[in-house]
C-alpha atoms as a PDB file:
ATOM      1  CA  GLN A   1      23.024 -88.915 -29.841  1.00  0.00           C
ATOM      2  CA  PRO A   2      24.578 -88.351 -26.379  1.00  0.00           C
ATOM      3  CA  PRO A   3      27.173 -90.863 -25.267  1.00  0.00           C
ATOM      4  CA  GLU A   4      26.292 -93.521 -22.716  1.00  0.00           C
ATOM      5  CA  PRO A   5      27.354 -92.754 -19.136  1.00  0.00           C
ATOM      6  CA  ALA A   6      30.874 -94.051 -18.593  1.00  0.00           C
ATOM      7  CA  SER A   7      29.932 -95.765 -15.350  1.00  0.00           C
ATOM      8  CA  THR A   8      26.754 -96.819 -13.652  1.00  0.00           C
ATOM      9  CA  THR A   9      28.414 -97.793 -10.392  1.00  0.00           C
ATOM     10  CA  GLU A  10      27.720 -96.033  -7.123  1.00  0.00           C
ATOM     11  CA  ALA A  11      29.881 -93.067  -6.233  1.00  0.00           C
ATOM     12  CA  GLY A  12      32.768 -93.984  -3.972  1.00  0.00           C
ATOM     13  CA  ALA A  13      35.307 -92.382  -1.669  1.00  0.00           C
ATOM     14  CA  GLY A  14      37.334 -89.734  -3.451  1.00  0.00           C
ATOM     15  CA  ASP A  15      34.680 -89.093  -6.101  1.00  0.00           C
ATOM     16  CA  ILE A  16      33.256 -85.667  -6.766  1.00  0.00           C
ATOM     17  CA  VAL A  17      29.484 -85.942  -6.441  1.00  0.00           C
ATOM     18  CA  PHE A  18      26.679 -83.447  -6.872  1.00  0.00           C
ATOM     19  CA  LEU A  19      23.161 -82.740  -5.788  1.00  0.00           C
ATOM     20  CA  ARG A  20      20.345 -80.833  -7.434  1.00  0.00           C
ATOM     21  CA  LEU A  21      19.598 -78.149  -4.839  1.00  0.00           C
ATOM     22  CA  ASP A  22      16.274 -77.068  -6.411  1.00  0.00           C
ATOM     23  CA  THR A  23      14.967 -80.627  -6.235  1.00  0.00           C
ATOM     24  CA  LEU A  24      16.296 -81.070  -2.724  1.00  0.00           C
ATOM     25  CA  MET A  25      14.572 -77.889  -1.489  1.00  0.00           C
ATOM     26  CA  MET A  26      11.254 -78.836  -3.092  1.00  0.00           C
ATOM     27  CA  GLN A  27      11.273 -82.254  -1.425  1.00  0.00           C
ATOM     28  CA  TYR A  28      12.806 -81.325   1.948  1.00  0.00           C
ATOM     29  CA  ASP A  29      10.071 -81.468   4.599  1.00  0.00           C
ATOM     30  CA  MET A  30      11.718 -78.832   6.795  1.00  0.00           C
ATOM     31  CA  TYR A  31      11.707 -76.321   3.943  1.00  0.00           C
ATOM     32  CA  SER A  32       8.122 -77.200   3.104  1.00  0.00           C
ATOM     33  CA  ASP A  33       6.975 -76.747   6.718  1.00  0.00           C
ATOM     34  CA  LEU A  34       8.824 -73.464   7.189  1.00  0.00           C
ATOM     35  CA  GLN A  35       7.654 -72.161   3.817  1.00  0.00           C
ATOM     36  CA  SER A  36       4.026 -73.042   4.603  1.00  0.00           C
ATOM     37  CA  ALA A  37       4.183 -71.225   7.946  1.00  0.00           C
ATOM     38  CA  PHE A  38       5.859 -68.245   6.270  1.00  0.00           C
ATOM     39  CA  GLU A  39       3.241 -68.102   3.502  1.00  0.00           C
ATOM     40  CA  ALA A  40       0.420 -68.260   6.074  1.00  0.00           C
ATOM     41  CA  LYS A  41       1.979 -65.364   7.966  1.00  0.00           C
ATOM     42  CA  ALA A  42       2.462 -63.362   4.760  1.00  0.00           C
ATOM     43  CA  GLN A  43      -1.172 -64.029   3.808  1.00  0.00           C
ATOM     44  CA  THR A  44      -2.371 -62.803   7.224  1.00  0.00           C
ATOM     45  CA  ILE A  45      -0.300 -59.630   6.930  1.00  0.00           C
ATOM     46  CA  GLU A  46      -1.543 -58.983   3.397  1.00  0.00           C
ATOM     47  CA  SER A  47      -5.143 -59.535   4.479  1.00  0.00           C
ATOM     48  CA  ASP A  48      -4.736 -57.146   7.436  1.00  0.00           C
ATOM     49  CA  LEU A  49      -3.169 -54.451   5.238  1.00  0.00           C
ATOM     50  CA  ASN A  50      -5.896 -54.865   2.616  1.00  0.00           C
ATOM     51  CA  LYS A  51      -8.573 -54.537   5.311  1.00  0.00           C
ATOM     52  CA  LYS A  52      -6.979 -51.329   6.617  1.00  0.00           C
ATOM     53  CA  GLY A  53      -6.646 -50.033   3.047  1.00  0.00           C
ATOM     54  CA  ARG A  54     -10.332 -50.681   2.286  1.00  0.00           C
ATOM     55  CA  LYS A  55     -11.364 -48.924   5.519  1.00  0.00           C
ATOM     56  CA  LEU A  56      -9.206 -45.919   4.625  1.00  0.00           C
ATOM     57  CA  GLU A  57     -10.668 -45.790   1.099  1.00  0.00           C
ATOM     58  CA  SER A  58     -14.166 -45.926   2.553  1.00  0.00           C
ATOM     59  CA  ASP A  59     -13.371 -43.106   4.977  1.00  0.00           C
ATOM     60  CA  ILE A  60     -11.875 -41.011   2.146  1.00  0.00           C
ATOM     61  CA  LYS A  61     -15.004 -41.504   0.002  1.00  0.00           C
ATOM     62  CA  ASN A  62     -17.193 -40.620   2.958  1.00  0.00           C
ATOM     63  CA  PHE A  63     -15.110 -37.483   3.552  1.00  0.00           C
ATOM     64  CA  GLU A  64     -15.358 -36.491  -0.139  1.00  0.00           C
ATOM     65  CA  ASN A  65     -19.130 -36.982  -0.038  1.00  0.00           C
ATOM     66  CA  GLN A  66     -19.416 -34.755   3.019  1.00  0.00           C
ATOM     67  CA  ILE A  67     -17.292 -32.079   1.310  1.00  0.00           C
ATOM     68  CA  ASN A  68     -19.343 -32.265  -1.895  1.00  0.00           C
ATOM     69  CA  LYS A  69     -22.601 -31.932   0.047  1.00  0.00           C
ATOM     70  CA  GLY A  70     -21.257 -29.021   2.072  1.00  0.00           C
ATOM     71  CA  LEU A  71     -21.693 -30.846   5.367  1.00  0.00           C
ATOM     72  CA  LEU A  72     -18.322 -29.819   6.857  1.00  0.00           C
ATOM     73  CA  THR A  73     -16.908 -26.488   7.850  1.00  0.00           C
ATOM     74  CA  ARG A  74     -13.613 -25.521   6.276  1.00  0.00           C
ATOM     75  CA  SER A  75     -11.846 -26.037   9.593  1.00  0.00           C
ATOM     76  CA  ALA A  76     -13.361 -29.500  10.150  1.00  0.00           C
ATOM     77  CA  ALA A  77     -12.599 -30.464   6.536  1.00  0.00           C
ATOM     78  CA  GLU A  78      -8.956 -29.432   6.945  1.00  0.00           C
ATOM     79  CA  GLN A  79      -8.657 -31.468  10.147  1.00  0.00           C
ATOM     80  CA  GLN A  80     -10.242 -34.550   8.607  1.00  0.00           C
ATOM     81  CA  ASN A  81      -8.150 -34.209   5.456  1.00  0.00           C
ATOM     82  CA  ALA A  82      -4.954 -33.989   7.527  1.00  0.00           C
ATOM     83  CA  SER A  83      -6.052 -36.998   9.576  1.00  0.00           C
ATOM     84  CA  LEU A  84      -6.801 -39.054   6.451  1.00  0.00           C
ATOM     85  CA  GLN A  85      -3.463 -38.115   4.887  1.00  0.00           C
ATOM     86  CA  GLN A  86      -1.670 -39.151   8.085  1.00  0.00           C
ATOM     87  CA  ARG A  87      -3.538 -42.480   8.125  1.00  0.00           C
ATOM     88  CA  GLN A  88      -2.574 -43.052   4.499  1.00  0.00           C
ATOM     89  CA  ALA A  89       1.093 -42.295   5.239  1.00  0.00           C
ATOM     90  CA  ASN A  90       0.988 -44.578   8.293  1.00  0.00           C
ATOM     91  CA  LEU A  91      -0.517 -47.391   6.232  1.00  0.00           C
ATOM     92  CA  GLN A  92       2.145 -46.993   3.543  1.00  0.00           C
ATOM     93  CA  ASN A  93       4.865 -47.045   6.207  1.00  0.00           C
ATOM     94  CA  GLU A  94       3.345 -50.108   7.845  1.00  0.00           C
ATOM     95  CA  ALA A  95       3.155 -51.901   4.482  1.00  0.00           C
ATOM     96  CA  ALA A  96       6.802 -51.083   3.747  1.00  0.00           C
ATOM     97  CA  GLN A  97       7.853 -52.233   7.222  1.00  0.00           C
ATOM     98  CA  LYS A  98       5.917 -55.506   6.920  1.00  0.00           C
ATOM     99  CA  GLN A  99       7.421 -56.111   3.478  1.00  0.00           C
ATOM    100  CA  GLN A 100      10.909 -55.619   4.902  1.00  0.00           C
ATOM    101  CA  GLU A 101      10.144 -57.912   7.857  1.00  0.00           C
ATOM    102  CA  LEU A 102       8.873 -60.613   5.497  1.00  0.00           C
ATOM    103  CA  ALA A 103      11.975 -60.309   3.323  1.00  0.00           C
ATOM    104  CA  GLU A 104      14.170 -60.715   6.414  1.00  0.00           C
ATOM    105  CA  GLU A 105      12.135 -63.686   7.629  1.00  0.00           C
ATOM    106  CA  SER A 106      12.364 -65.282   4.194  1.00  0.00           C
ATOM    107  CA  GLN A 107      16.158 -64.939   4.309  1.00  0.00           C
ATOM    108  CA  VAL A 108      16.261 -66.395   7.833  1.00  0.00           C
ATOM    109  CA  LEU A 109      14.131 -69.306   6.621  1.00  0.00           C
ATOM    110  CA  LEU A 110      16.559 -69.994   3.781  1.00  0.00           C
ATOM    111  CA  ASN A 111      19.520 -69.663   6.146  1.00  0.00           C
ATOM    112  CA  GLN A 112      17.951 -72.197   8.542  1.00  0.00           C
ATOM    113  CA  VAL A 113      17.365 -74.673   5.738  1.00  0.00           C
ATOM    114  CA  MET A 114      20.810 -74.196   4.214  1.00  0.00           C
ATOM    115  CA  PHE A 115      22.429 -74.590   7.662  1.00  0.00           C
ATOM    116  CA  ALA A 116      20.537 -77.851   8.174  1.00  0.00           C
ATOM    117  CA  ILE A 117      21.604 -79.084   4.730  1.00  0.00           C
ATOM    118  CA  GLN A 118      25.239 -78.065   5.261  1.00  0.00           C
ATOM    119  CA  THR A 119      25.346 -79.717   8.691  1.00  0.00           C
ATOM    120  CA  TYR A 120      23.801 -82.896   7.305  1.00  0.00           C
ATOM    121  CA  LEU A 121      26.195 -82.976   4.344  1.00  0.00           C
ATOM    122  CA  GLU A 122      29.219 -82.605   6.639  1.00  0.00           C
ATOM    123  CA  GLU A 123      28.078 -85.614   8.693  1.00  0.00           C
ATOM    124  CA  TYR A 124      27.071 -87.554   5.577  1.00  0.00           C
ATOM    125  CA  ASN A 125      30.482 -87.045   4.012  1.00  0.00           C
ATOM    126  CA  LYS A 126      32.278 -88.371   7.105  1.00  0.00           C
ATOM    127  CA  ASP A 127      30.983 -91.812   6.103  1.00  0.00           C
ATOM    128  CA  HIS A 128      31.371 -91.417   2.329  1.00  0.00           C
ATOM    129  CA  ASN A 129      34.669 -89.508   2.054  1.00  0.00           C
ATOM    130  CA  PHE A 130      33.797 -87.784  -1.216  1.00  0.00           C
ATOM    131  CA  ALA A 131      36.429 -85.402  -2.539  1.00  0.00           C
ATOM    132  CA  ALA A 132      33.717 -82.782  -3.019  1.00  0.00           C
ATOM    133  CA  ILE A 133      29.951 -82.404  -2.992  1.00  0.00           C
ATOM    134  CA  LEU A 134      28.854 -79.841  -5.555  1.00  0.00           C
ATOM    135  CA  SER A 135      25.398 -78.382  -6.044  1.00  0.00           C
ATOM    136  CA  THR A 136      23.533 -77.275  -9.096  1.00  0.00           C
ATOM    137  CA  THR A 137      20.338 -75.258  -9.550  1.00  0.00           C
ATOM    138  CA  ALA A 138      18.309 -74.183 -12.528  1.00  0.00           C
ATOM    139  CA  ALA A 139      19.665 -70.637 -12.154  1.00  0.00           C
ATOM    140  CA  SER A 140      23.292 -71.501 -11.429  1.00  0.00           C
ATOM    141  CA  ASN A 141      24.852 -74.649 -12.800  1.00  0.00           C
ATOM    142  CA  VAL A 142      28.056 -75.669 -11.086  1.00  0.00           C
ATOM    143  CA  VAL A 143      27.563 -79.097 -12.652  1.00  0.00           C
ATOM    144  CA  MET A 144      26.485 -78.854 -16.266  1.00  0.00           C
ATOM    145  CA  VAL A 145      26.517 -82.612 -16.874  1.00  0.00           C
ATOM    146  CA  GLY A 146      27.186 -85.427 -14.453  1.00  0.00           C
ATOM    147  CA  ALA A 147      26.974 -89.186 -14.442  1.00  0.00           C
ATOM    148  CA  PRO A 148      23.743 -90.298 -12.785  1.00  0.00           C
ATOM    149  CA  ALA A 149      25.735 -92.425 -10.323  1.00  0.00           C
ATOM    150  CA  LEU A 150      27.319 -89.222  -8.998  1.00  0.00           C
ATOM    151  CA  ASP A 151      23.947 -87.548  -8.329  1.00  0.00           C
ATOM    152  CA  ILE A 152      23.289 -88.013  -4.601  1.00  0.00           C
ATOM    153  CA  THR A 153      20.199 -85.778  -4.494  1.00  0.00           C
ATOM    154  CA  GLN A 154      17.632 -88.465  -3.653  1.00  0.00           C
ATOM    155  CA  GLU A 155      19.815 -90.043  -0.972  1.00  0.00           C
ATOM    156  CA  ILE A 156      20.339 -86.637   0.651  1.00  0.00           C
ATOM    157  CA  ILE A 157      16.610 -85.837   0.519  1.00  0.00           C
ATOM    158  CA  GLU A 158      15.775 -89.130   2.217  1.00  0.00           C
ATOM    159  CA  GLY A 159      18.436 -88.614   4.888  1.00  0.00           C
ATOM    160  CA  LEU A 160      17.472 -84.996   5.568  1.00  0.00           C
ATOM    161  CA  ASN A 161      13.791 -85.861   5.846  1.00  0.00           C
ATOM    162  CA  ALA A 162      14.557 -88.750   8.200  1.00  0.00           C
ATOM    163  CA  GLU A 163      16.629 -86.395  10.389  1.00  0.00           C
ATOM    164  CA  TYR A 164      13.934 -83.739  10.281  1.00  0.00           C
ATOM    165  CA  ILE A 165      11.174 -86.169  11.249  1.00  0.00           C
ATOM    166  CA  LYS A 166      13.129 -86.963  14.426  1.00  0.00           C
ATOM    167  CA  THR A 167      13.070 -83.297  15.475  1.00  0.00           C
ATOM    168  CA  ARG A 168       9.852 -82.086  13.810  1.00  0.00           C
ATOM    169  CA  ASN A 169       7.639 -82.714  16.829  1.00  0.00           C
ATOM    170  CA  THR A 170      10.027 -81.057  19.275  1.00  0.00           C
ATOM    171  CA  LYS A 171      10.386 -77.847  17.237  1.00  0.00           C
ATOM    172  CA  THR A 172       7.790 -75.418  16.037  1.00  0.00           C
ATOM    173  CA  ALA A 173       7.733 -74.926  12.308  1.00  0.00           C
ATOM    174  CA  THR A 174       7.944 -71.145  12.230  1.00  0.00           C
ATOM    175  CA  PRO A 175      10.412 -69.083  10.228  1.00  0.00           C
ATOM    176  CA  THR A 176      11.660 -67.152  13.242  1.00  0.00           C
ATOM    177  CA  GLU A 177      11.587 -67.724  16.938  1.00  0.00           C
END
C-alpha cells in the first residue's frame, strides 16, 4: 500500500513543482489548432501524391497494353518507356521532398508550442517563485513520483489556453507562415 502524500497544501515559493507535458500538449488549444491545420495539409499532400500515383499506374498499364498488342513502334515504345520512368522518378522525388517538408513543419509546430509554453512558464513563475518547474512525459520521466499538490499541469493548461484565446483570432492557425 503506497504511503499517503506528505502534504496536500498548495505548492509555494521555493518549492520544486512539475507538470505533465503530455497532458498539457493534449489539452493546449494552440497545439490542437496547429496540429489540426498540419494534419489537414498532410492529408491534402497525401491525396495529391496518391492521385498522381494512380494516374501514373494507369498510364503504365495503358503503355503495357499497347506494347502487348503491338500498337507501338520500337522507337515510340522506348520514348514512352523513358517518359514513364522519368515521371515515376519525379513522383518519388516529390514524395520524398514533401515528406521532408512535413517533417520540418512538424518540428516548427512543436518549436512554436514549446516556445509559447516556455514563455508562459517564465511569466507564471515570476508570480509563484518556484525553485524549479520540472516536466515529465510518458517517454521520459524527470519526475517519477510527485505529491499531487506539486503538479501544476491543470493550472498551466488553463493559463495557456486563456492566453491563447486572447491571440487566437489575430493569428492564423497554420504551422508555418
